[in-house]
Amino acid sequence: MPIIKDSLQDIKTIVVISNASIKNNITMSIAYVHLKSNIVTKTIHHAVSITSTKAELFVIRCRINQVVQVTDVLHIIVITDAVYSARCIFDSSSHPY
């Protein structure tokens, strides 16, 4: 993955890594934000009675909203295992958050 390796050295690129899982009807989602090989933030959310797809979508959007506030960022790379969530990120008609 040369793109990721190169981006971890670039000060104008932020990498967002997220994942979500469900156990006993409790959804846990976690997101890491990296800037130049350093973890900027690590966020863990817990929710009850929600699908992991919606939880992952929520976390990705929250992290994107957070990283666009960082000055001089030219690229945001999102790494997730939820392809459906990634496709829904910019579709605000079906997800209000």
PDB file of N, CA and C in Angstrom:
ATOM      1  N   MET A   1       0.819  -1.174   0.000  1.00  0.00           N
ATOM      2  CA  MET A   1       0.000   0.000   0.000  1.00  0.00           C
ATOM      3  C   MET A   1       0.874   1.252   0.000  1.00  0.00           C
ATOM      4  N   PRO A   2       1.488   1.565  -1.111  1.00  0.00           N
ATOM      5  CA  PRO A   2       2.367   2.724  -1.141  1.00  0.00           C
ATOM      6  C   PRO A   2       1.640   4.050  -0.916  1.00  0.00           C
ATOM      7  N   ILE A   3       0.373   4.132  -1.284  1.00  0.00           N
ATOM      8  CA  ILE A   3      -0.369   5.384  -1.081  1.00  0.00           C
ATOM      9  C   ILE A   3      -0.470   5.686   0.410  1.00  0.00           C
ATOM     10  N   ILE A   4      -0.820   4.694   1.201  1.00  0.00           N
ATOM     11  CA  ILE A   4      -0.947   4.895   2.642  1.00  0.00           C
ATOM     12  C   ILE A   4       0.413   5.185   3.259  1.00  0.00           C
ATOM     13  N   LYS A   5       1.413   4.435   2.860  1.00  0.00           N
ATOM     14  CA  LYS A   5       2.762   4.646   3.402  1.00  0.00           C
ATOM     15  C   LYS A   5       3.249   6.063   3.105  1.00  0.00           C
ATOM     16  N   ASP A   6       3.060   6.510   1.866  1.00  0.00           N
ATOM     17  CA  ASP A   6       3.465   7.870   1.505  1.00  0.00           C
ATOM     18  C   ASP A   6       2.644   8.919   2.246  1.00  0.00           C
ATOM     19  N   SER A   7       1.343   8.655   2.409  1.00  0.00           N
ATOM     20  CA  SER A   7       0.477   9.649   3.050  1.00  0.00           C
ATOM     21  C   SER A   7       0.802   9.818   4.528  1.00  0.00           C
ATOM     22  N   LEU A   8       1.327   8.774   5.152  1.00  0.00           N
ATOM     23  CA  LEU A   8       1.677   8.889   6.563  1.00  0.00           C
ATOM     24  C   LEU A   8       2.898   9.779   6.784  1.00  0.00           C
ATOM     25  N   GLN A   9       3.616  10.086   5.729  1.00  0.00           N
ATOM     26  CA  GLN A   9       4.759  10.993   5.828  1.00  0.00           C
ATOM     27  C   GLN A   9       4.411  12.416   5.379  1.00  0.00           C
ATOM     28  N   ASP A  10       3.263  12.585   4.757  1.00  0.00           N
ATOM     29  CA  ASP A  10       2.848  13.884   4.206  1.00  0.00           C
ATOM     30  C   ASP A  10       2.093  14.684   5.265  1.00  0.00           C
ATOM     31  N   ILE A  11       2.540  15.897   5.539  1.00  0.00           N
ATOM     32  CA  ILE A  11       1.874  16.709   6.565  1.00  0.00           C
ATOM     33  C   ILE A  11       0.570  17.332   6.079  1.00  0.00           C
ATOM     34  N   LYS A  12       0.239  17.184   4.813  1.00  0.00           N
ATOM     35  CA  LYS A  12      -0.997  17.739   4.268  1.00  0.00           C
ATOM     36  C   LYS A  12      -2.053  16.655   4.030  1.00  0.00           C
ATOM     37  N   THR A  13      -1.802  15.434   4.525  1.00  0.00           N
ATOM     38  CA  THR A  13      -2.734  14.325   4.363  1.00  0.00           C
ATOM     39  C   THR A  13      -3.101  13.769   5.730  1.00  0.00           C
ATOM     40  N   ILE A  14      -4.395  13.559   5.942  1.00  0.00           N
ATOM     41  CA  ILE A  14      -4.895  12.948   7.169  1.00  0.00           C
ATOM     42  C   ILE A  14      -5.529  11.614   6.805  1.00  0.00           C
ATOM     43  N   VAL A  15      -5.231  10.591   7.609  1.00  0.00           N
ATOM     44  CA  VAL A  15      -5.788   9.260   7.406  1.00  0.00           C
ATOM     45  C   VAL A  15      -6.764   8.974   8.539  1.00  0.00           C
ATOM     46  N   VAL A  16      -7.993   8.588   8.175  1.00  0.00           N
ATOM     47  CA  VAL A  16      -9.027   8.222   9.134  1.00  0.00           C
ATOM     48  C   VAL A  16      -9.265   6.723   9.003  1.00  0.00           C
ATOM     49  N   ILE A  17      -9.112   5.997  10.091  1.00  0.00           N
ATOM     50  CA  ILE A  17      -9.328   4.548  10.091  1.00  0.00           C
ATOM     51  C   ILE A  17     -10.471   4.265  11.047  1.00  0.00           C
ATOM     52  N   SER A  18     -11.504   3.548  10.560  1.00  0.00           N
ATOM     53  CA  SER A  18     -12.654   3.293  11.424  1.00  0.00           C
ATOM     54  C   SER A  18     -13.124   1.856  11.302  1.00  0.00           C
ATOM     55  N   ASN A  19     -13.808   1.402  12.358  1.00  0.00           N
ATOM     56  CA  ASN A  19     -14.372   0.061  12.380  1.00  0.00           C
ATOM     57  C   ASN A  19     -15.522   0.053  13.383  1.00  0.00           C
ATOM     58  N   ALA A  20     -16.458  -0.849  13.173  1.00  0.00           N
ATOM     59  CA  ALA A  20     -17.590  -0.997  14.091  1.00  0.00           C
ATOM     60  C   ALA A  20     -17.935  -2.473  14.222  1.00  0.00           C
ATOM     61  N   SER A  21     -18.433  -2.842  15.395  1.00  0.00           N
ATOM     62  CA  SER A  21     -18.855  -4.223  15.611  1.00  0.00           C
ATOM     63  C   SER A  21     -20.009  -4.243  16.605  1.00  0.00           C
ATOM     64  N   ILE A  22     -20.767  -5.337  16.575  1.00  0.00           N
ATOM     65  CA  ILE A  22     -21.922  -5.488  17.470  1.00  0.00           C
ATOM     66  C   ILE A  22     -21.719  -6.722  18.328  1.00  0.00           C
ATOM     67  N   LYS A  23     -21.963  -6.566  19.628  1.00  0.00           N
ATOM     68  CA  LYS A  23     -21.943  -7.701  20.547  1.00  0.00           C
ATOM     69  C   LYS A  23     -23.017  -7.459  21.593  1.00  0.00           C
ATOM     70  N   ASN A  24     -23.914  -8.427  21.761  1.00  0.00           N
ATOM     71  CA  ASN A  24     -25.014  -8.318  22.728  1.00  0.00           C
ATOM     72  C   ASN A  24     -25.851  -7.064  22.512  1.00  0.00           C
ATOM     73  N   ASN A  25     -26.158  -6.746  21.252  1.00  0.00           N
ATOM     74  CA  ASN A  25     -26.989  -5.610  20.854  1.00  0.00           C
ATOM     75  C   ASN A  25     -26.358  -4.256  21.191  1.00  0.00           C
ATOM     76  N   ILE A  26     -25.070  -4.242  21.483  1.00  0.00           N
ATOM     77  CA  ILE A  26     -24.352  -2.993  21.732  1.00  0.00           C
ATOM     78  C   ILE A  26     -23.338  -2.812  20.609  1.00  0.00           C
ATOM     79  N   THR A  27     -23.459  -1.706  19.926  1.00  0.00           N
ATOM     80  CA  THR A  27     -22.547  -1.404  18.825  1.00  0.00           C
ATOM     81  C   THR A  27     -21.402  -0.555  19.351  1.00  0.00           C
ATOM     82  N   MET A  28     -20.201  -0.987  19.032  1.00  0.00           N
ATOM     83  CA  MET A  28     -19.023  -0.212  19.398  1.00  0.00           C
ATOM     84  C   MET A  28     -18.319   0.204  18.119  1.00  0.00           C
ATOM     85  N   SER A  29     -18.055   1.465  17.996  1.00  0.00           N
ATOM     86  CA  SER A  29     -17.323   1.960  16.833  1.00  0.00           C
ATOM     87  C   SER A  29     -16.087   2.690  17.325  1.00  0.00           C
ATOM     88  N   ILE A  30     -15.028   2.550  16.553  1.00  0.00           N
ATOM     89  CA  ILE A  30     -13.757   3.149  16.925  1.00  0.00           C
ATOM     90  C   ILE A  30     -13.163   3.827  15.700  1.00  0.00           C
ATOM     91  N   ALA A  31     -12.531   4.953  15.911  1.00  0.00           N
ATOM     92  CA  ALA A  31     -11.901   5.677  14.803  1.00  0.00           C
ATOM     93  C   ALA A  31     -10.571   6.251  15.270  1.00  0.00           C
ATOM     94  N   TYR A  32      -9.596   6.143  14.403  1.00  0.00           N
ATOM     95  CA  TYR A  32      -8.278   6.739  14.624  1.00  0.00           C
ATOM     96  C   TYR A  32      -8.052   7.780  13.544  1.00  0.00           C
ATOM     97  N   VAL A  33      -7.483   8.894  13.912  1.00  0.00           N
ATOM     98  CA  VAL A  33      -7.098   9.921  12.951  1.00  0.00           C
ATOM     99  C   VAL A  33      -5.588  10.072  13.047  1.00  0.00           C
ATOM    100  N   HIS A  34      -4.918   9.869  11.916  1.00  0.00           N
ATOM    101  CA  HIS A  34      -3.460   9.954  11.863  1.00  0.00           C
ATOM    102  C   HIS A  34      -3.035  11.155  11.032  1.00  0.00           C
ATOM    103  N   LEU A  35      -2.032  11.851  11.502  1.00  0.00           N
ATOM    104  CA  LEU A  35      -1.402  12.935  10.761  1.00  0.00           C
ATOM    105  C   LEU A  35       0.101  12.736  10.872  1.00  0.00           C
ATOM    106  N   LYS A  36       0.720  12.489   9.748  1.00  0.00           N
ATOM    107  CA  LYS A  36       2.169  12.264   9.676  1.00  0.00           C
ATOM    108  C   LYS A  36       2.623  11.208  10.683  1.00  0.00           C
ATOM    109  N   SER A  37       2.032  10.018  10.590  1.00  0.00           N
ATOM    110  CA  SER A  37       2.378   8.840  11.397  1.00  0.00           C
ATOM    111  C   SER A  37       2.067   8.975  12.885  1.00  0.00           C
ATOM    112  N   ASN A  38       1.404  10.019  13.296  1.00  0.00           N
ATOM    113  CA  ASN A  38       1.048  10.197  14.702  1.00  0.00           C
ATOM    114  C   ASN A  38      -0.467  10.145  14.860  1.00  0.00           C
ATOM    115  N   ILE A  39      -0.918   9.472  15.908  1.00  0.00           N
ATOM    116  CA  ILE A  39      -2.355   9.447  16.187  1.00  0.00           C
ATOM    117  C   ILE A  39      -2.747  10.805  16.753  1.00  0.00           C
ATOM    118  N   VAL A  40      -3.653  11.475  16.051  1.00  0.00           N
ATOM    119  CA  VAL A  40      -4.147  12.768  16.509  1.00  0.00           C
ATOM    120  C   VAL A  40      -5.278  12.545  17.500  1.00  0.00           C
ATOM    121  N   THR A  41      -6.226  11.679  17.134  1.00  0.00           N
ATOM    122  CA  THR A  41      -7.328  11.346  18.035  1.00  0.00           C
ATOM    123  C   THR A  41      -7.683   9.874  17.909  1.00  0.00           C
ATOM    124  N   LYS A  42      -8.220   9.353  18.970  1.00  0.00           N
ATOM    125  CA  LYS A  42      -8.786   8.006  18.996  1.00  0.00           C
ATOM    126  C   LYS A  42     -10.143   8.164  19.654  1.00  0.00           C
ATOM    127  N   THR A  43     -11.198   7.751  18.958  1.00  0.00           N
ATOM    128  CA  THR A  43     -12.551   7.943  19.458  1.00  0.00           C
ATOM    129  C   THR A  43     -13.275   6.609  19.513  1.00  0.00           C
ATOM    130  N   ILE A  44     -13.939   6.347  20.646  1.00  0.00           N
ATOM    131  CA  ILE A  44     -14.739   5.133  20.798  1.00  0.00           C
ATOM    132  C   ILE A  44     -16.163   5.557  21.142  1.00  0.00           C
ATOM    133  N   HIS A  45     -17.129   5.025  20.379  1.00  0.00           N
ATOM    134  CA  HIS A  45     -18.549   5.301  20.628  1.00  0.00           C
ATOM    135  C   HIS A  45     -19.250   3.976  20.915  1.00  0.00           C
ATOM    136  N   HIS A  46     -20.196   4.016  21.846  1.00  0.00           N
ATOM    137  CA  HIS A  46     -21.059   2.872  22.133  1.00  0.00           C
ATOM    138  C   HIS A  46     -22.494   3.295  21.876  1.00  0.00           C
ATOM    139  N   ALA A  47     -23.269   2.388  21.271  1.00  0.00           N
ATOM    140  CA  ALA A  47     -24.682   2.678  21.019  1.00  0.00           C
ATOM    141  C   ALA A  47     -25.476   1.383  21.143  1.00  0.00           C
ATOM    142  N   VAL A  48     -26.738   1.507  21.516  1.00  0.00           N
ATOM    143  CA  VAL A  48     -27.614   0.359  21.673  1.00  0.00           C
ATOM    144  C   VAL A  48     -28.663   0.391  20.577  1.00  0.00           C
ATOM    145  N   SER A  49     -28.987  -0.776  20.039  1.00  0.00           N
ATOM    146  CA  SER A  49     -30.045  -0.946  19.034  1.00  0.00           C
ATOM    147  C   SER A  49     -29.787  -0.124  17.771  1.00  0.00           C
ATOM    148  N   ILE A  50     -28.593  -0.195  17.263  1.00  0.00           N
ATOM    149  CA  ILE A  50     -28.252   0.466  16.004  1.00  0.00           C
ATOM    150  C   ILE A  50     -27.366  -0.490  15.210  1.00  0.00           C
ATOM    151  N   THR A  51     -27.479  -0.427  13.915  1.00  0.00           N
ATOM    152  CA  THR A  51     -26.661  -1.315  13.085  1.00  0.00           C
ATOM    153  C   THR A  51     -25.217  -0.824  13.046  1.00  0.00           C
ATOM    154  N   SER A  52     -24.319  -1.741  12.808  1.00  0.00           N
ATOM    155  CA  SER A  52     -22.911  -1.356  12.741  1.00  0.00           C
ATOM    156  C   SER A  52     -22.648  -0.440  11.550  1.00  0.00           C
ATOM    157  N   THR A  53     -23.438  -0.608  10.477  1.00  0.00           N
ATOM    158  CA  THR A  53     -23.277   0.261   9.300  1.00  0.00           C
ATOM    159  C   THR A  53     -23.590   1.709   9.659  1.00  0.00           C
ATOM    160  N   LYS A  54     -24.688   1.926  10.373  1.00  0.00           N
ATOM    161  CA  LYS A  54     -25.045   3.297  10.768  1.00  0.00           C
ATOM    162  C   LYS A  54     -24.038   3.863  11.760  1.00  0.00           C
ATOM    163  N   ALA A  55     -23.552   3.020  12.660  1.00  0.00           N
ATOM    164  CA  ALA A  55     -22.545   3.490  13.612  1.00  0.00           C
ATOM    165  C   ALA A  55     -21.262   3.873  12.891  1.00  0.00           C
ATOM    166  N   GLU A  56     -20.857   3.064  11.943  1.00  0.00           N
ATOM    167  CA  GLU A  56     -19.634   3.364  11.199  1.00  0.00           C
ATOM    168  C   GLU A  56     -19.797   4.629  10.366  1.00  0.00           C
ATOM    169  N   LEU A  57     -20.955   4.791   9.754  1.00  0.00           N
ATOM    170  CA  LEU A  57     -21.229   5.999   8.981  1.00  0.00           C
ATOM    171  C   LEU A  57     -21.164   7.236   9.867  1.00  0.00           C
ATOM    172  N   PHE A  58     -21.734   7.148  11.058  1.00  0.00           N
ATOM    173  CA  PHE A  58     -21.698   8.256  12.004  1.00  0.00           C
ATOM    174  C   PHE A  58     -20.260   8.621  12.371  1.00  0.00           C
ATOM    175  N   VAL A  59     -19.457   7.612  12.677  1.00  0.00           N
ATOM    176  CA  VAL A  59     -18.068   7.860  13.077  1.00  0.00           C
ATOM    177  C   VAL A  59     -17.263   8.467  11.938  1.00  0.00           C
ATOM    178  N   ILE A  60     -17.433   7.948  10.730  1.00  0.00           N
ATOM    179  CA  ILE A  60     -16.692   8.484   9.581  1.00  0.00           C
ATOM    180  C   ILE A  60     -17.052   9.942   9.353  1.00  0.00           C
ATOM    181  N   ARG A  61     -18.328  10.244   9.382  1.00  0.00           N
ATOM    182  CA  ARG A  61     -18.742  11.642   9.169  1.00  0.00           C
ATOM    183  C   ARG A  61     -18.249  12.558  10.276  1.00  0.00           C
ATOM    184  N   CYS A  62     -18.276  12.092  11.507  1.00  0.00           N
ATOM    185  CA  CYS A  62     -17.760  12.913  12.615  1.00  0.00           C
ATOM    186  C   CYS A  62     -16.278  13.202  12.430  1.00  0.00           C
ATOM    187  N   ARG A  63     -15.525  12.194  12.053  1.00  0.00           N
ATOM    188  CA  ARG A  63     -14.080  12.374  11.867  1.00  0.00           C
ATOM    189  C   ARG A  63     -13.791  13.299  10.684  1.00  0.00           C
ATOM    190  N   ILE A  64     -14.540  13.154   9.602  1.00  0.00           N
ATOM    191  CA  ILE A  64     -14.334  14.054   8.454  1.00  0.00           C
ATOM    192  C   ILE A  64     -14.645  15.488   8.877  1.00  0.00           C
ATOM    193  N   ASN A  65     -15.729  15.680   9.616  1.00  0.00           N
ATOM    194  CA  ASN A  65     -16.053  17.026  10.109  1.00  0.00           C
ATOM    195  C   ASN A  65     -14.944  17.575  10.999  1.00  0.00           C
ATOM    196  N   GLN A  66     -14.321  16.703  11.762  1.00  0.00           N
ATOM    197  CA  GLN A  66     -13.236  17.137  12.637  1.00  0.00           C
ATOM    198  C   GLN A  66     -11.989  17.500  11.834  1.00  0.00           C
ATOM    199  N   VAL A  67     -11.611  16.674  10.876  1.00  0.00           N
ATOM    200  CA  VAL A  67     -10.343  16.913  10.178  1.00  0.00           C
ATOM    201  C   VAL A  67     -10.415  18.048   9.172  1.00  0.00           C
ATOM    202  N   VAL A  68     -11.592  18.411   8.699  1.00  0.00           N
ATOM    203  CA  VAL A  68     -11.652  19.554   7.785  1.00  0.00           C
ATOM    204  C   VAL A  68     -11.370  20.861   8.516  1.00  0.00           C
ATOM    205  N   GLN A  69     -11.403  20.835   9.839  1.00  0.00           N
ATOM    206  CA  GLN A  69     -11.072  22.010  10.632  1.00  0.00           C
ATOM    207  C   GLN A  69      -9.561  22.238  10.728  1.00  0.00           C
ATOM    208  N   VAL A  70      -8.781  21.196  10.420  1.00  0.00           N
ATOM    209  CA  VAL A  70      -7.326  21.309  10.478  1.00  0.00           C
ATOM    210  C   VAL A  70      -6.855  22.116   9.275  1.00  0.00           C
ATOM    211  N   THR A  71      -6.031  23.109   9.515  1.00  0.00           N
ATOM    212  CA  THR A  71      -5.578  23.958   8.420  1.00  0.00           C
ATOM    213  C   THR A  71      -4.536  23.253   7.568  1.00  0.00           C
ATOM    214  N   ASP A  72      -4.496  23.620   6.322  1.00  0.00           N
ATOM    215  CA  ASP A  72      -3.512  23.128   5.357  1.00  0.00           C
ATOM    216  C   ASP A  72      -3.625  21.635   5.026  1.00  0.00           C
ATOM    217  N   VAL A  73      -4.774  21.039   5.225  1.00  0.00           N
ATOM    218  CA  VAL A  73      -4.956  19.643   4.836  1.00  0.00           C
ATOM    219  C   VAL A  73      -5.463  19.611   3.400  1.00  0.00           C
ATOM    220  N   LEU A  74      -4.774  18.860   2.559  1.00  0.00           N
ATOM    221  CA  LEU A  74      -5.174  18.751   1.155  1.00  0.00           C
ATOM    222  C   LEU A  74      -5.878  17.434   0.841  1.00  0.00           C
ATOM    223  N   HIS A  75      -5.581  16.380   1.608  1.00  0.00           N
ATOM    224  CA  HIS A  75      -6.148  15.062   1.333  1.00  0.00           C
ATOM    225  C   HIS A  75      -6.643  14.423   2.623  1.00  0.00           C
ATOM    226  N   ILE A  76      -7.799  13.758   2.528  1.00  0.00           N
ATOM    227  CA  ILE A  76      -8.329  12.952   3.620  1.00  0.00           C
ATOM    228  C   ILE A  76      -8.524  11.553   3.072  1.00  0.00           C
ATOM    229  N   ILE A  77      -7.869  10.581   3.671  1.00  0.00           N
ATOM    230  CA  ILE A  77      -8.004   9.181   3.257  1.00  0.00           C
ATOM    231  C   ILE A  77      -8.788   8.464   4.338  1.00  0.00           C
ATOM    232  N   VAL A  78      -9.888   7.805   3.960  1.00  0.00           N
ATOM    233  CA  VAL A  78     -10.722   7.055   4.898  1.00  0.00           C
ATOM    234  C   VAL A  78     -10.519   5.575   4.638  1.00  0.00           C
ATOM    235  N   ILE A  79     -10.151   4.843   5.682  1.00  0.00           N
ATOM    236  CA  ILE A  79      -9.977   3.396   5.584  1.00  0.00           C
ATOM    237  C   ILE A  79     -11.053   2.753   6.445  1.00  0.00           C
ATOM    238  N   THR A  80     -11.853   1.912   5.827  1.00  0.00           N
ATOM    239  CA  THR A  80     -12.944   1.244   6.538  1.00  0.00           C
ATOM    240  C   THR A  80     -13.201  -0.107   5.899  1.00  0.00           C
ATOM    241  N   ASP A  81     -13.814  -1.001   6.659  1.00  0.00           N
ATOM    242  CA  ASP A  81     -14.186  -2.295   6.098  1.00  0.00           C
ATOM    243  C   ASP A  81     -15.660  -2.320   5.698  1.00  0.00           C
ATOM    244  N   ALA A  82     -16.340  -1.204   5.821  1.00  0.00           N
ATOM    245  CA  ALA A  82     -17.762  -1.118   5.479  1.00  0.00           C
ATOM    246  C   ALA A  82     -17.925  -0.353   4.168  1.00  0.00           C
ATOM    247  N   VAL A  83     -17.928  -1.070   3.077  1.00  0.00           N
ATOM    248  CA  VAL A  83     -18.031  -0.446   1.755  1.00  0.00           C
ATOM    249  C   VAL A  83     -19.353   0.298   1.616  1.00  0.00           C
ATOM    250  N   TYR A  84     -20.438  -0.268   2.122  1.00  0.00           N
ATOM    251  CA  TYR A  84     -21.737   0.393   2.042  1.00  0.00           C
ATOM    252  C   TYR A  84     -21.702   1.747   2.753  1.00  0.00           C
ATOM    253  N   SER A  85     -21.109   1.780   3.942  1.00  0.00           N
ATOM    254  CA  SER A  85     -21.009   3.042   4.688  1.00  0.00           C
ATOM    255  C   SER A  85     -20.204   4.069   3.924  1.00  0.00           C
ATOM    256  N   ALA A  86     -19.113   3.618   3.339  1.00  0.00           N
ATOM    257  CA  ALA A  86     -18.265   4.543   2.588  1.00  0.00           C
ATOM    258  C   ALA A  86     -19.022   5.148   1.412  1.00  0.00           C
ATOM    259  N   ARG A  87     -19.871   4.381   0.777  1.00  0.00           N
ATOM    260  CA  ARG A  87     -20.666   4.912  -0.340  1.00  0.00           C
ATOM    261  C   ARG A  87     -21.712   5.911   0.129  1.00  0.00           C
ATOM    262  N   CYS A  88     -22.166   5.782   1.368  1.00  0.00           N
ATOM    263  CA  CYS A  88     -23.227   6.649   1.885  1.00  0.00           C
ATOM    264  C   CYS A  88     -22.713   7.941   2.516  1.00  0.00           C
ATOM    265  N   ILE A  89     -21.414   8.093   2.615  1.00  0.00           N
ATOM    266  CA  ILE A  89     -20.859   9.248   3.327  1.00  0.00           C
ATOM    267  C   ILE A  89     -21.402  10.571   2.797  1.00  0.00           C
ATOM    268  N   PHE A  90     -21.474  10.704   1.490  1.00  0.00           N
ATOM    269  CA  PHE A  90     -21.865  11.983   0.906  1.00  0.00           C
ATOM    270  C   PHE A  90     -23.317  12.020   0.456  1.00  0.00           C
ATOM    271  N   ASP A  91     -24.126  11.024   0.827  1.00  0.00           N
ATOM    272  CA  ASP A  91     -25.538  10.997   0.492  1.00  0.00           C
ATOM    273  C   ASP A  91     -26.337  11.485   1.699  1.00  0.00           C
ATOM    274  N   SER A  92     -26.571  12.780   1.796  1.00  0.00           N
ATOM    275  CA  SER A  92     -27.258  13.337   2.960  1.00  0.00           C
ATOM    276  C   SER A  92     -28.771  13.148   2.895  1.00  0.00           C
ATOM    277  N   SER A  93     -29.299  12.689   1.772  1.00  0.00           N
ATOM    278  CA  SER A  93     -30.747  12.532   1.675  1.00  0.00           C
ATOM    279  C   SER A  93     -31.263  11.366   2.512  1.00  0.00           C
ATOM    280  N   SER A  94     -30.454  10.313   2.709  1.00  0.00           N
ATOM    281  CA  SER A  94     -30.944   9.161   3.434  1.00  0.00           C
ATOM    282  C   SER A  94     -30.420   9.095   4.872  1.00  0.00           C
ATOM    283  N   HIS A  95     -29.408   9.895   5.212  1.00  0.00           N
ATOM    284  CA  HIS A  95     -28.847   9.888   6.559  1.00  0.00           C
ATOM    285  C   HIS A  95     -28.684  11.322   7.038  1.00  0.00           C
ATOM    286  N   PRO A  96     -29.459  11.725   8.048  1.00  0.00           N
ATOM    287  CA  PRO A  96     -29.410  13.120   8.482  1.00  0.00           C
ATOM    288  C   PRO A  96     -28.115  13.521   9.176  1.00  0.00           C
ATOM    289  N   TYR A  97     -27.317  12.579   9.632  1.00  0.00           N
ATOM    290  CA  TYR A  97     -26.083  12.937  10.322  1.00  0.00           C
ATOM    291  C   TYR A  97     -24.972  12.730   9.370  1.00  0.00           C
TER     292      TYR A  97
END
